Protein backbone atom coordinates (compact mmCIF):
# COMPACT_ATOMS: atom_id res chain seq x y z
CA MET A 1 -22.91 46.67 179.79
CA ARG A 2 -24.34 46.80 183.28
CA ILE A 3 -28.09 46.83 183.87
CA ALA A 4 -30.22 46.53 187.00
CA PHE A 5 -33.86 45.88 187.82
CA SER A 6 -36.12 47.42 190.45
CA LEU A 7 -38.97 45.23 191.68
CA GLY A 8 -41.35 47.63 193.26
CA SER A 9 -44.53 48.49 195.00
CA LEU A 10 -46.81 47.38 192.14
CA LEU A 11 -45.81 43.79 192.90
CA SER A 12 -46.82 41.46 195.72
CA ILE A 13 -44.20 39.91 197.98
CA ASN A 14 -44.55 36.59 196.18
CA GLN A 15 -44.15 38.28 192.80
CA VAL A 16 -40.97 40.02 193.95
CA MET A 17 -39.60 36.68 195.10
CA LYS A 18 -40.48 34.97 191.83
CA CYS A 19 -38.99 37.74 189.70
CA SER A 20 -35.82 37.68 191.80
CA GLU A 21 -35.50 33.95 191.30
CA ILE A 22 -35.79 34.45 187.54
CA LEU A 23 -33.16 37.23 187.60
CA SER A 24 -30.81 34.98 189.58
CA LYS A 25 -30.25 33.02 186.38
CA THR A 26 -29.20 36.14 184.41
CA ASN A 27 -26.24 38.50 184.37
CA VAL A 28 -28.22 41.41 185.83
CA ASP A 29 -25.94 43.59 187.96
CA THR A 30 -28.21 44.51 190.87
CA ILE A 31 -31.75 43.79 192.07
CA TRP A 32 -33.15 46.88 193.81
CA ILE A 33 -36.06 46.79 196.23
CA PRO A 34 -37.92 50.00 197.10
CA GLU A 35 -39.62 50.84 200.38
CA THR A 36 -42.73 53.00 200.47
CA TRP A 37 -45.52 51.98 202.83
CA GLY A 38 -45.80 48.31 202.00
CA MET A 39 -42.91 45.85 202.06
CA GLU A 40 -40.24 46.43 204.70
CA ASN A 41 -36.92 46.77 202.94
CA PHE A 42 -34.40 44.83 205.00
CA SER A 43 -36.78 41.85 205.28
CA MET A 44 -37.23 41.77 201.51
CA LEU A 45 -33.52 42.15 200.82
CA SER A 46 -32.79 39.25 203.15
CA ALA A 47 -35.41 37.13 201.43
CA ILE A 48 -34.18 37.79 197.89
CA SER A 49 -30.56 37.25 198.96
CA ASN A 50 -31.67 33.67 199.58
CA LYS A 51 -33.05 33.42 196.03
CA THR A 52 -29.90 34.77 194.34
CA THR A 53 -26.19 34.04 194.37
CA THR A 54 -24.20 36.55 192.34
CA GLN A 55 -26.41 39.60 191.87
CA LYS A 56 -25.92 42.57 194.14
CA ILE A 57 -28.99 43.61 196.12
CA GLY A 58 -29.84 47.23 196.78
CA SER A 59 -32.23 49.30 198.88
CA SER A 60 -33.89 52.06 196.90
CA ILE A 61 -34.42 53.60 199.28
CA ILE A 62 -34.15 53.34 203.05
CA ASN A 63 -35.34 56.71 204.30
CA ILE A 64 -33.32 58.49 206.98
CA TYR A 65 -36.21 59.51 209.20
CA SER A 66 -38.02 56.28 210.08
CA ARG A 67 -34.93 54.47 211.48
CA SER A 68 -31.99 55.66 213.54
CA PRO A 69 -28.56 55.61 211.85
CA THR A 70 -27.33 52.84 214.15
CA LEU A 71 -30.42 50.75 213.42
CA ILE A 72 -29.82 51.15 209.68
CA ALA A 73 -26.21 50.03 210.24
CA MET A 74 -27.48 46.98 212.14
CA GLY A 75 -29.89 46.14 209.31
CA ALA A 76 -27.24 46.68 206.64
CA SER A 77 -24.70 44.53 208.44
CA THR A 78 -27.24 41.73 208.90
CA VAL A 79 -28.34 41.73 205.25
CA ASP A 80 -24.74 42.00 204.01
CA THR A 81 -23.81 38.94 206.06
CA LEU A 82 -26.84 36.96 204.86
CA SER A 83 -26.09 37.87 201.25
CA ASP A 84 -22.36 37.11 201.54
CA GLY A 85 -21.32 40.71 200.94
CA ARG A 86 -23.68 41.73 198.13
CA LEU A 87 -25.56 44.69 199.65
CA ILE A 88 -25.67 48.22 198.29
CA LEU A 89 -27.19 50.51 200.91
CA GLY A 90 -29.34 53.09 199.17
CA LEU A 91 -30.38 55.98 201.41
CA GLY A 92 -32.74 58.89 200.80
CA THR A 93 -34.82 61.50 202.56
CA SER A 94 -38.15 60.20 201.20
CA SER A 95 -40.73 63.02 201.24
CA LEU A 96 -42.51 65.30 203.68
CA PRO A 97 -45.90 63.53 203.45
CA ILE A 98 -44.39 60.11 204.15
CA VAL A 99 -42.05 61.29 206.92
CA GLU A 100 -44.51 63.55 208.72
CA THR A 101 -47.89 61.98 207.99
CA PHE A 102 -47.00 58.29 207.95
CA HIS A 103 -44.12 58.22 210.45
CA GLY A 104 -44.76 61.25 212.63
CA TYR A 105 -41.34 62.88 212.39
CA LYS A 106 -40.49 66.43 211.37
CA PHE A 107 -39.04 66.66 207.87
CA GLU A 108 -36.16 68.93 208.86
CA ASN A 109 -32.53 69.49 207.84
CA PRO A 110 -32.42 66.77 205.16
CA VAL A 111 -28.90 67.50 203.87
CA GLN A 112 -27.27 67.78 207.30
CA ARG A 113 -29.21 64.74 208.47
CA MET A 114 -27.99 62.71 205.49
CA LYS A 115 -24.39 63.76 206.15
CA GLU A 116 -24.59 62.60 209.76
CA TYR A 117 -26.35 59.35 208.88
CA VAL A 118 -23.62 58.38 206.43
CA GLU A 119 -20.88 59.25 208.93
CA ILE A 120 -22.53 57.29 211.75
CA ILE A 121 -23.36 54.27 209.58
CA ARG A 122 -19.80 54.08 208.26
CA LEU A 123 -18.37 54.43 211.75
CA THR A 124 -20.69 51.73 213.08
CA LEU A 125 -19.87 49.30 210.28
CA SER A 126 -16.15 49.79 210.86
CA GLY A 127 -16.60 47.92 214.15
CA LYS A 128 -15.32 50.84 216.20
CA GLN A 129 -17.16 52.24 219.16
CA VAL A 130 -19.48 55.07 218.15
CA ASN A 131 -19.05 58.30 220.07
CA TYR A 132 -20.48 60.92 217.77
CA VAL A 133 -21.45 64.54 218.27
CA GLY A 134 -23.14 66.30 215.37
CA LYS A 135 -25.65 69.05 214.89
CA ILE A 136 -28.48 66.50 215.03
CA PHE A 137 -27.10 63.37 216.72
CA ASP A 138 -25.22 62.89 219.96
CA LEU A 139 -24.44 59.19 220.36
CA LYS A 140 -22.32 57.48 223.00
CA ASN A 141 -20.70 54.09 223.44
CA PHE A 142 -22.46 52.14 220.69
CA THR A 143 -20.64 49.11 219.26
CA LEU A 144 -22.10 46.46 216.97
CA LEU A 145 -22.48 43.17 218.77
CA ILE A 146 -21.78 41.25 215.56
CA LYS A 147 -18.76 41.43 213.26
CA PRO A 148 -19.81 42.87 209.89
CA LYS A 149 -19.15 40.80 206.78
CA ARG A 150 -17.51 43.91 205.33
CA GLU A 151 -16.24 46.93 207.22
CA SER A 152 -17.29 49.12 204.30
CA ILE A 153 -20.63 48.61 202.55
CA PRO A 154 -21.23 50.77 199.44
CA ILE A 155 -23.60 53.65 200.20
CA TYR A 156 -25.60 55.25 197.39
CA LEU A 157 -27.70 58.38 197.95
CA ALA A 158 -30.93 59.35 196.23
CA ALA A 159 -30.47 62.94 195.12
CA ILE A 160 -32.77 65.45 193.44
CA ASN A 161 -31.87 69.03 194.30
CA GLN A 162 -28.36 70.40 193.89
CA LYS A 163 -27.42 70.49 197.60
CA MET A 164 -28.07 66.76 197.91
CA VAL A 165 -26.31 66.12 194.60
CA ASP A 166 -23.25 68.00 195.88
CA LEU A 167 -23.29 66.08 199.17
CA THR A 168 -23.62 62.79 197.30
CA TRP A 169 -20.51 63.43 195.24
CA ARG A 170 -18.61 64.42 198.38
CA ILE A 171 -19.45 61.47 200.63
CA ALA A 172 -21.16 58.61 198.76
CA ASP A 173 -20.04 55.68 196.61
CA GLY A 174 -22.89 56.19 194.16
CA VAL A 175 -25.98 58.21 193.32
CA ILE A 176 -29.54 57.08 192.60
CA PHE A 177 -31.31 59.47 190.22
CA TYR A 178 -35.02 59.37 189.44
CA LEU A 179 -37.28 61.42 187.16
CA ARG A 180 -34.56 63.64 185.71
CA PRO A 181 -34.97 64.85 182.10
CA LEU A 182 -32.37 63.44 179.72
CA ASN A 183 -30.79 66.79 178.87
CA GLU A 184 -30.58 67.89 182.52
CA MET A 185 -29.12 64.55 183.56
CA THR A 186 -26.45 64.74 180.88
CA GLU A 187 -25.38 68.18 182.11
CA THR A 188 -25.40 67.19 185.77
CA ILE A 189 -23.48 63.95 185.28
CA THR A 190 -20.86 65.63 183.09
CA LYS A 191 -20.38 68.43 185.60
CA MET A 192 -20.27 66.26 188.72
CA GLN A 193 -18.19 63.40 187.33
CA SER A 194 -15.52 65.90 186.22
CA LYS A 195 -14.97 66.62 189.93
CA LYS A 196 -15.00 63.06 191.23
CA LYS A 197 -16.04 59.71 189.77
CA ILE A 198 -18.78 57.81 191.57
CA ASP A 199 -21.21 55.14 190.35
CA VAL A 200 -24.15 56.88 188.65
CA THR A 201 -27.42 54.98 188.63
CA CYS A 202 -30.85 56.07 187.50
CA GLN A 203 -34.11 54.28 188.16
CA ILE A 204 -36.30 54.51 185.06
CA ILE A 205 -40.06 53.91 184.96
CA THR A 206 -40.36 51.14 182.37
CA SER A 207 -43.40 49.57 180.70
CA ILE A 208 -43.16 47.14 177.79
CA ALA A 209 -45.87 45.48 175.73
CA GLU A 210 -46.17 44.27 172.16
CA ASN A 211 -48.88 46.93 171.82
CA SER A 212 -47.05 50.23 172.32
CA ASP A 213 -50.15 52.18 173.24
CA ILE A 214 -50.94 49.93 176.20
CA ALA A 215 -47.36 50.21 177.52
CA ILE A 216 -47.33 53.98 177.08
CA ASP A 217 -50.60 54.32 178.96
CA ARG A 218 -49.19 52.29 181.88
CA ALA A 219 -46.03 54.45 182.04
CA LYS A 220 -48.05 57.66 181.89
CA LYS A 221 -50.15 56.52 184.86
CA THR A 222 -47.05 55.82 186.93
CA LEU A 223 -45.43 59.11 185.99
CA ALA A 224 -48.63 61.05 186.73
CA PHE A 225 -48.80 59.37 190.14
CA TYR A 226 -45.34 60.60 191.15
CA VAL A 227 -46.05 64.10 189.83
CA SER A 228 -49.33 64.20 191.75
CA VAL A 229 -48.04 63.03 195.14
CA GLY A 230 -44.43 64.22 195.01
CA LYS A 231 -43.98 67.95 195.57
CA ILE A 232 -40.21 67.69 195.21
CA TYR A 233 -40.61 66.05 191.78
CA ARG A 234 -43.16 68.66 190.69
CA GLU A 235 -40.85 71.52 191.64
CA PHE A 236 -37.78 69.93 190.04
CA LEU A 237 -39.51 69.05 186.76
CA ALA A 238 -41.21 72.47 186.57
CA LYS A 239 -37.76 74.07 186.75
CA ASN A 240 -36.38 71.76 184.11
CA GLY A 241 -38.60 72.12 181.07
CA PHE A 242 -42.01 70.81 182.04
CA LYS A 243 -43.70 73.68 183.89
CA ASN A 244 -46.92 73.62 181.87
CA GLU A 245 -47.26 69.84 181.99
CA ILE A 246 -46.69 69.75 185.75
CA PHE A 247 -49.31 72.43 186.34
CA ASN A 248 -51.88 70.64 184.14
CA ILE A 249 -51.28 67.18 185.66
CA PHE A 250 -51.42 68.42 189.23
CA ASP A 251 -54.40 70.67 188.62
CA GLU A 252 -56.36 67.78 187.17
CA PHE A 253 -55.31 65.57 190.08
CA LYS A 254 -56.75 68.09 192.55
CA LYS A 255 -60.05 68.05 190.64
CA THR A 256 -60.54 64.39 189.79
CA GLY A 257 -57.72 62.40 191.39
CA PHE A 258 -55.98 59.81 189.24
CA LYS A 259 -58.95 59.22 186.96
CA SER A 260 -57.56 60.90 183.86
CA ASN A 261 -54.63 63.15 184.74
CA HIS A 262 -52.19 60.74 183.11
CA GLU A 263 -53.66 61.79 179.76
CA LEU A 264 -51.96 65.16 180.27
CA VAL A 265 -48.49 63.61 180.26
CA THR A 266 -47.03 64.75 176.94
CA ASP A 267 -44.98 62.57 174.60
CA SER A 268 -41.89 64.73 175.11
CA MET A 269 -42.20 64.42 178.88
CA LEU A 270 -42.65 60.65 178.69
CA GLN A 271 -39.70 60.17 176.34
CA SER A 272 -37.41 62.26 178.54
CA LEU A 273 -38.29 60.49 181.78
CA CYS A 274 -39.48 56.94 181.04
CA ILE A 275 -39.01 53.88 178.84
CA SER A 276 -42.26 52.66 177.27
CA GLY A 277 -43.49 50.99 174.12
CA ASN A 278 -42.80 47.74 172.30
CA PRO A 279 -39.51 45.85 172.78
CA ASN A 280 -37.64 47.48 169.88
CA GLU A 281 -38.73 50.96 170.93
CA CYS A 282 -37.69 50.32 174.52
CA LYS A 283 -34.23 49.10 173.55
CA LYS A 284 -33.64 52.35 171.66
CA GLN A 285 -34.94 54.41 174.56
CA LEU A 286 -32.61 52.64 176.98
CA GLN A 287 -29.69 53.67 174.78
CA ASN A 288 -30.80 57.31 175.10
CA PHE A 289 -30.49 57.00 178.86
CA ARG A 290 -27.09 55.34 178.65
CA GLU A 291 -25.83 58.23 176.52
CA THR A 292 -26.42 60.67 179.39
CA GLY A 293 -23.45 59.12 181.21
CA ILE A 294 -25.36 56.75 183.48
CA ASP A 295 -23.20 53.85 184.62
CA LEU A 296 -26.09 51.65 185.72
CA PRO A 297 -29.63 52.07 184.38
CA ILE A 298 -32.18 50.58 186.78
CA ILE A 299 -35.25 49.23 184.99
CA GLN A 300 -38.28 49.88 187.21
CA PHE A 301 -40.72 47.10 186.36
CA ASN A 302 -44.26 48.35 185.74
CA PRO A 303 -46.30 45.29 184.78
CA VAL A 304 -48.65 45.47 181.82
CA GLY A 305 -51.42 42.90 181.98
CA ASP A 306 -50.43 39.54 183.45
CA THR A 307 -47.40 40.11 185.71
CA SER A 308 -45.54 36.90 184.84
CA GLU A 309 -45.94 37.40 181.10
CA SER A 310 -45.04 41.07 181.39
CA PHE A 311 -41.87 40.29 183.33
CA GLU A 312 -40.86 37.64 180.84
CA LEU A 313 -41.15 40.18 178.03
CA LEU A 314 -39.13 42.70 180.07
CA LYS A 315 -36.39 40.14 180.68
CA LYS A 316 -36.36 39.04 177.06
CA THR A 317 -36.09 42.64 175.87
CA PHE A 318 -33.13 43.68 178.04
CA LEU A 319 -31.35 40.49 179.08
CA ASP A 320 -31.84 37.80 176.41
CA GLU A 321 -29.45 39.01 173.77
């Protein structure tokens, strides 16, 4: 069965490189690299492509406000060539605070913007001249100066709310889910896949330690962070079974920051959204996620204690069968 790993913002650049090198000797399907406000995504994907040979490499995610669609196509084509055709281009809208506060753009028309980005990127990668008139973009006479390794690079979209989910199933090769309760995800996947089959991935906050309590505490802190800073996650989770928990976590965050609000993450919330505990517990929890209909679970590495030792335990749990 397919499985992927996400090597994220809790790691240094050197740690990402080392973990990628370790994964290159396994049968892991894809190595995903996120982009927040630290490591630049295309640079990291290029670097890890040099440390791997067979694994696909994915962006999770390139946001569609901080780069133009043609620039994303240029980056994707470059990385796909360097990796010998192993790129999955993951796109998303990111969030209002990141787009407006960190990058200085208006967070407007996310669904229409995504539609136009995908159309322009695909047109650019085809090698044809880009003359495009949309509701947002009006581009003339752009042609890639290099020949892409592939004329069609798989595009996966990060989707939360239903309008973006619908768009994803209409135009994308795959979807990247995140922080969706198990029961909701089962319903959504069943409904959407009955219309059209695409590759369904889900990035799952994952913490493993021999001591379950330590791993659970680490996962709760990560989950509480996303609830605290991500309005879109708060609203989605409040509508899907966790209204009281969301209110309590966010209210405590406003009072005391991240000091203790993770203690308000309930067991039911954690079990529905994350994988955490000792190795045997985590294997069982992964199966719960697979049963929702996910094609590719993405294990988001949250180190517990020493990073190297923690990653070795993660690899042993999910890959050393």
